[in-house]
Amino acid sequence: MGIILEIAANSINSCMAAQQNGADRIELFENLPEGGCTPSYGMLQLVKEKINIPVYAMIRPRGGDFLYNDDEFEIMQRDVEICRQLNYKGIVFGMLDADGNVDTERCKALLALAGDMKATFHRAFDRAKDLNKSAAQIAGLGFERILTSGGEADVVKGKEVIRSLHQQLGKDITIMPGCGVTADNAKMITDYCGVAEIHATAKGLVPSAMQFKKPEFADSRYESEAKAIAAIRTALL
């Protein structure tokens, strides 16, 4: 089997582009500028109706850090229950305490609510104080994979750490590089790190179709781009 390509999709258009251009799995979210938040209920419903490849929904109530108060955690629990009711393949989340450690108790609670759904610990991991300790804890909790840039701004800068994590823990949990993945570096990253999966947004700027525009407002947006997804898929062959 070849390298599994996960596309981070922030809209139904992004999901369709991913499905039609060689993605094996989708991470579904909204609010790309903040790094992703939980998709709306309407989005979750429509994606289940239109997308046939596995989809993991992000559980993140807001942007910013990954230290959540009780109300935010309650929102996360309710969103997990919604995803389970909609029969999602998996969820994507991560929580830290104020000292930069994995919030193991709250992670256990969400994993229990998830039932048969699989779980990815997202790039909250890269904000952790001790990556090796945190990775071992996440594996022990029962997460399926860790999405990581190796604690750096992108996967190229973090490739040494990603490789080390995979060598140490690859038998216990999937280490999936993500952040800054392109058609130009995807094969290098997977070969160098020895991993079997990779994550990319493959985003491109979508100009607004509005005929009437006001120059003081930005109407364009970013979505996963069909040609960028196809180029990464081809590069991984």
Protein backbone atom coordinates (compact mmCIF):
# COMPACT_ATOMS: atom_id res chain seq x y z
CA MET A 1 0.00 0.00 0.00
CA GLY A 2 1.24 3.50 -0.82
CA ILE A 3 1.50 6.54 1.39
CA ILE A 4 -1.85 7.61 2.87
CA LEU A 5 -2.67 11.20 2.00
CA GLU A 6 -4.92 13.10 4.40
CA ILE A 7 -6.26 16.45 3.23
CA ALA A 8 -7.28 19.12 5.72
CA ALA A 9 -10.54 20.39 4.23
CA ASN A 10 -12.26 23.55 5.42
CA SER A 11 -15.36 23.49 3.20
CA ILE A 12 -17.58 21.19 1.19
CA ASN A 13 -15.73 22.34 -1.94
CA SER A 14 -12.42 21.32 -0.33
CA CYS A 15 -13.89 17.93 0.58
CA MET A 16 -15.07 17.32 -2.97
CA ALA A 17 -11.67 18.33 -4.35
CA ALA A 18 -9.97 15.94 -1.93
CA GLN A 19 -12.23 13.04 -2.82
CA GLN A 20 -11.86 13.59 -6.55
CA ASN A 21 -8.07 14.03 -6.61
CA GLY A 22 -6.61 11.12 -4.72
CA ALA A 23 -6.97 11.85 -1.00
CA ASP A 24 -7.36 8.79 1.19
CA ARG A 25 -8.86 10.60 4.15
CA ILE A 26 -10.16 14.05 5.13
CA GLU A 27 -9.69 16.08 8.28
CA LEU A 28 -12.79 18.28 8.33
CA PHE A 29 -12.75 21.68 10.00
CA GLU A 30 -13.77 25.32 9.69
CA ASN A 31 -11.88 28.56 10.36
CA LEU A 32 -8.64 28.00 8.46
CA PRO A 33 -7.03 31.30 9.61
CA GLU A 34 -7.14 30.06 13.23
CA GLY A 35 -5.76 26.64 12.34
CA GLY A 36 -9.16 24.97 12.32
CA CYS A 37 -12.23 24.72 14.55
CA THR A 38 -15.20 22.35 14.80
CA PRO A 39 -17.31 22.33 11.63
CA SER A 40 -20.96 23.34 11.85
CA TYR A 41 -23.70 20.75 12.25
CA GLY A 42 -24.90 21.49 8.73
CA MET A 43 -21.41 20.92 7.36
CA LEU A 44 -21.08 17.65 9.26
CA GLN A 45 -24.40 16.42 7.87
CA LEU A 46 -23.72 17.38 4.25
CA VAL A 47 -20.20 15.94 4.23
CA LYS A 48 -21.58 12.61 5.47
CA GLU A 49 -24.04 12.63 2.60
CA LYS A 50 -21.60 13.57 -0.17
CA ILE A 51 -18.19 12.17 0.80
CA ASN A 52 -17.36 8.48 0.59
CA ILE A 53 -13.75 8.42 1.82
CA PRO A 54 -13.09 8.40 5.60
CA VAL A 55 -13.61 11.75 7.33
CA TYR A 56 -12.29 12.76 10.76
CA ALA A 57 -13.97 15.84 12.25
CA MET A 58 -12.00 18.38 14.26
CA ILE A 59 -13.19 18.98 17.82
CA ARG A 60 -11.91 22.45 18.72
CA PRO A 61 -14.31 25.08 20.06
CA ARG A 62 -12.13 28.12 19.30
CA GLY A 63 -8.78 29.26 18.01
CA GLY A 64 -5.81 30.15 20.16
CA ASP A 65 -4.29 27.83 22.74
CA PHE A 66 -5.41 24.35 23.76
CA LEU A 67 -6.20 25.07 27.41
CA TYR A 68 -9.97 24.94 27.76
CA ASN A 69 -12.32 26.04 30.52
CA ASP A 70 -15.25 23.95 31.73
CA ASP A 71 -17.77 25.47 29.31
CA GLU A 72 -15.46 24.96 26.34
CA PHE A 73 -14.90 21.37 27.38
CA GLU A 74 -18.64 20.85 27.61
CA ILE A 75 -18.94 22.09 24.03
CA MET A 76 -16.28 19.61 22.96
CA GLN A 77 -18.11 16.75 24.63
CA ARG A 78 -21.36 17.65 22.89
CA ASP A 79 -19.60 17.91 19.53
CA VAL A 80 -18.07 14.45 20.00
CA GLU A 81 -21.53 13.07 20.69
CA ILE A 82 -22.86 14.71 17.52
CA CYS A 83 -20.08 13.17 15.44
CA ARG A 84 -20.78 9.76 16.95
CA GLN A 85 -24.50 10.09 16.20
CA LEU A 86 -23.64 10.99 12.58
CA ASN A 87 -21.40 7.89 12.34
CA TYR A 88 -18.17 9.73 11.64
CA LYS A 89 -15.10 7.56 11.15
CA GLY A 90 -13.06 9.58 13.62
CA ILE A 91 -12.36 12.82 15.42
CA VAL A 92 -9.34 15.09 15.77
CA PHE A 93 -8.57 16.93 18.99
CA GLY A 94 -5.90 17.78 21.54
CA MET A 95 -5.80 19.34 24.99
CA LEU A 96 -2.98 20.63 27.16
CA ASP A 97 -2.82 21.87 30.74
CA ALA A 98 -1.41 25.25 31.72
CA ASP A 99 2.08 23.77 32.17
CA GLY A 100 2.25 22.39 28.62
CA ASN A 101 1.48 18.78 29.48
CA VAL A 102 -1.14 16.58 27.80
CA ASP A 103 -4.46 16.92 29.65
CA THR A 104 -4.80 13.16 30.04
CA GLU A 105 -7.98 13.15 32.12
CA ARG A 106 -9.98 15.23 29.68
CA CYS A 107 -8.55 13.31 26.73
CA LYS A 108 -9.71 10.08 28.38
CA ALA A 109 -13.19 11.54 28.78
CA LEU A 110 -13.49 12.49 25.11
CA LEU A 111 -12.08 9.16 23.97
CA ALA A 112 -14.68 7.37 26.09
CA LEU A 113 -17.44 9.47 24.52
CA ALA A 114 -16.07 8.70 21.06
CA GLY A 115 -16.97 5.03 21.35
CA ASP A 116 -15.96 3.25 18.15
CA MET A 117 -14.67 6.41 16.49
CA LYS A 118 -10.90 6.64 16.03
CA ALA A 119 -9.00 9.69 17.26
CA THR A 120 -6.07 11.78 16.04
CA PHE A 121 -4.22 14.06 18.48
CA HIS A 122 -3.67 17.22 16.44
CA ARG A 123 -0.91 19.83 16.49
CA ALA A 124 -1.67 20.87 20.05
CA PHE A 125 1.07 18.26 20.43
CA ASP A 126 3.61 20.67 18.93
CA ARG A 127 2.89 23.14 21.76
CA ALA A 128 3.69 20.55 24.46
CA LYS A 129 6.65 21.07 26.78
CA ASP A 130 8.17 17.59 26.33
CA LEU A 131 7.38 16.03 22.96
CA ASN A 132 8.77 12.58 23.71
CA LYS A 133 6.92 12.27 27.01
CA SER A 134 3.73 13.65 25.47
CA ALA A 135 3.88 11.28 22.50
CA ALA A 136 4.23 8.28 24.81
CA GLN A 137 1.26 9.49 26.88
CA ILE A 138 -0.88 10.02 23.79
CA ALA A 139 -0.05 6.53 22.53
CA GLY A 140 -0.93 5.09 25.93
CA LEU A 141 -4.29 6.84 25.94
CA GLY A 142 -5.32 5.00 22.79
CA PHE A 143 -5.13 7.66 20.10
CA GLU A 144 -4.69 6.27 16.59
CA ARG A 145 -2.19 8.89 15.44
CA ILE A 146 -0.38 12.13 16.19
CA LEU A 147 -0.38 14.97 13.66
CA THR A 148 2.85 16.90 14.08
CA SER A 149 5.34 19.26 12.51
CA GLY A 150 7.95 18.05 14.98
CA GLY A 151 7.42 21.01 17.28
CA GLU A 152 8.61 23.41 14.57
CA ALA A 153 6.90 25.87 12.25
CA ASP A 154 6.74 23.31 9.42
CA VAL A 155 7.59 19.70 8.62
CA VAL A 156 10.86 20.50 6.87
CA LYS A 157 12.24 22.21 9.98
CA GLY A 158 10.81 19.48 12.21
CA LYS A 159 11.75 16.43 10.14
CA GLU A 160 14.45 15.21 12.55
CA VAL A 161 12.00 15.13 15.45
CA ILE A 162 9.29 13.52 13.32
CA ARG A 163 11.73 10.83 12.24
CA SER A 164 12.81 10.22 15.85
CA LEU A 165 9.21 9.99 17.09
CA HIS A 166 8.34 7.50 14.37
CA GLN A 167 11.40 5.38 15.14
CA GLN A 168 10.61 5.34 18.85
CA LEU A 169 6.81 5.00 18.80
CA GLY A 170 5.80 3.98 15.29
CA LYS A 171 4.86 0.50 16.43
CA ASP A 172 2.44 1.94 18.99
CA ILE A 173 0.95 4.96 17.22
CA THR A 174 1.00 6.48 13.73
CA ILE A 175 3.15 9.59 13.43
CA MET A 176 1.75 11.78 10.64
CA PRO A 177 3.71 14.82 9.42
CA GLY A 178 1.70 17.92 8.64
CA CYS A 179 2.12 21.69 8.15
CA GLY A 180 3.90 23.06 5.12
CA VAL A 181 3.54 19.89 3.03
CA THR A 182 3.68 20.51 -0.72
CA ALA A 183 4.19 18.49 -3.88
CA ASP A 184 7.85 19.54 -3.77
CA ASN A 185 8.60 18.14 -0.30
CA ALA A 186 6.00 15.42 0.40
CA LYS A 187 8.06 12.51 -0.93
CA MET A 188 11.22 13.75 0.77
CA ILE A 189 9.42 13.99 4.11
CA THR A 190 7.81 10.55 3.95
CA ASP A 191 11.03 8.89 2.77
CA TYR A 192 13.26 10.66 5.31
CA CYS A 193 10.93 10.12 8.27
CA GLY A 194 9.92 6.60 7.25
CA VAL A 195 6.23 7.35 7.83
CA ALA A 196 3.21 5.85 6.08
CA GLU A 197 0.89 8.87 6.21
CA ILE A 198 1.11 12.59 5.48
CA HIS A 199 -1.25 15.55 5.98
CA ALA A 200 -1.66 18.58 3.74
CA THR A 201 -4.06 21.48 3.34
CA ALA A 202 -3.12 22.00 -0.33
CA LYS A 203 -4.81 25.37 -0.17
CA GLY A 204 -5.17 27.91 -2.93
CA LEU A 205 -6.76 31.35 -3.07
CA VAL A 206 -10.31 31.35 -4.41
CA PRO A 207 -11.31 34.76 -5.80
CA SER A 208 -14.79 36.03 -5.04
CA ALA A 209 -17.46 35.76 -7.75
CA MET A 210 -19.03 38.98 -6.52
CA GLN A 211 -19.43 41.58 -9.25
CA PHE A 212 -19.98 44.36 -6.73
CA LYS A 213 -17.00 44.70 -4.40
CA LYS A 214 -15.79 47.24 -1.89
CA PRO A 215 -11.99 47.59 -1.86
CA GLU A 216 -11.84 47.90 1.93
CA PHE A 217 -13.20 44.33 2.34
CA ALA A 218 -11.48 41.07 1.40
CA ASP A 219 -13.92 38.71 -0.31
CA SER A 220 -11.51 36.02 -1.47
CA ARG A 221 -10.92 32.87 0.58
CA TYR A 222 -8.69 29.80 0.80
CA GLU A 223 -9.81 26.25 0.05
CA SER A 224 -8.08 22.98 -0.75
CA GLU A 225 -7.14 23.16 -4.42
CA ALA A 226 -7.76 20.26 -6.78
CA LYS A 227 -4.52 20.65 -8.73
CA ALA A 228 -2.45 20.95 -5.53
CA ILE A 229 -4.00 17.78 -4.07
CA ALA A 230 -3.42 15.89 -7.33
CA ALA A 231 0.20 17.11 -7.46
CA ILE A 232 0.92 15.85 -3.93
CA ARG A 233 -0.78 12.53 -4.72
CA THR A 234 1.37 12.14 -7.83
CA ALA A 235 4.54 13.09 -5.95
CA LEU A 236 3.92 10.34 -3.40
CA LEU A 237 3.66 7.58 -6.02
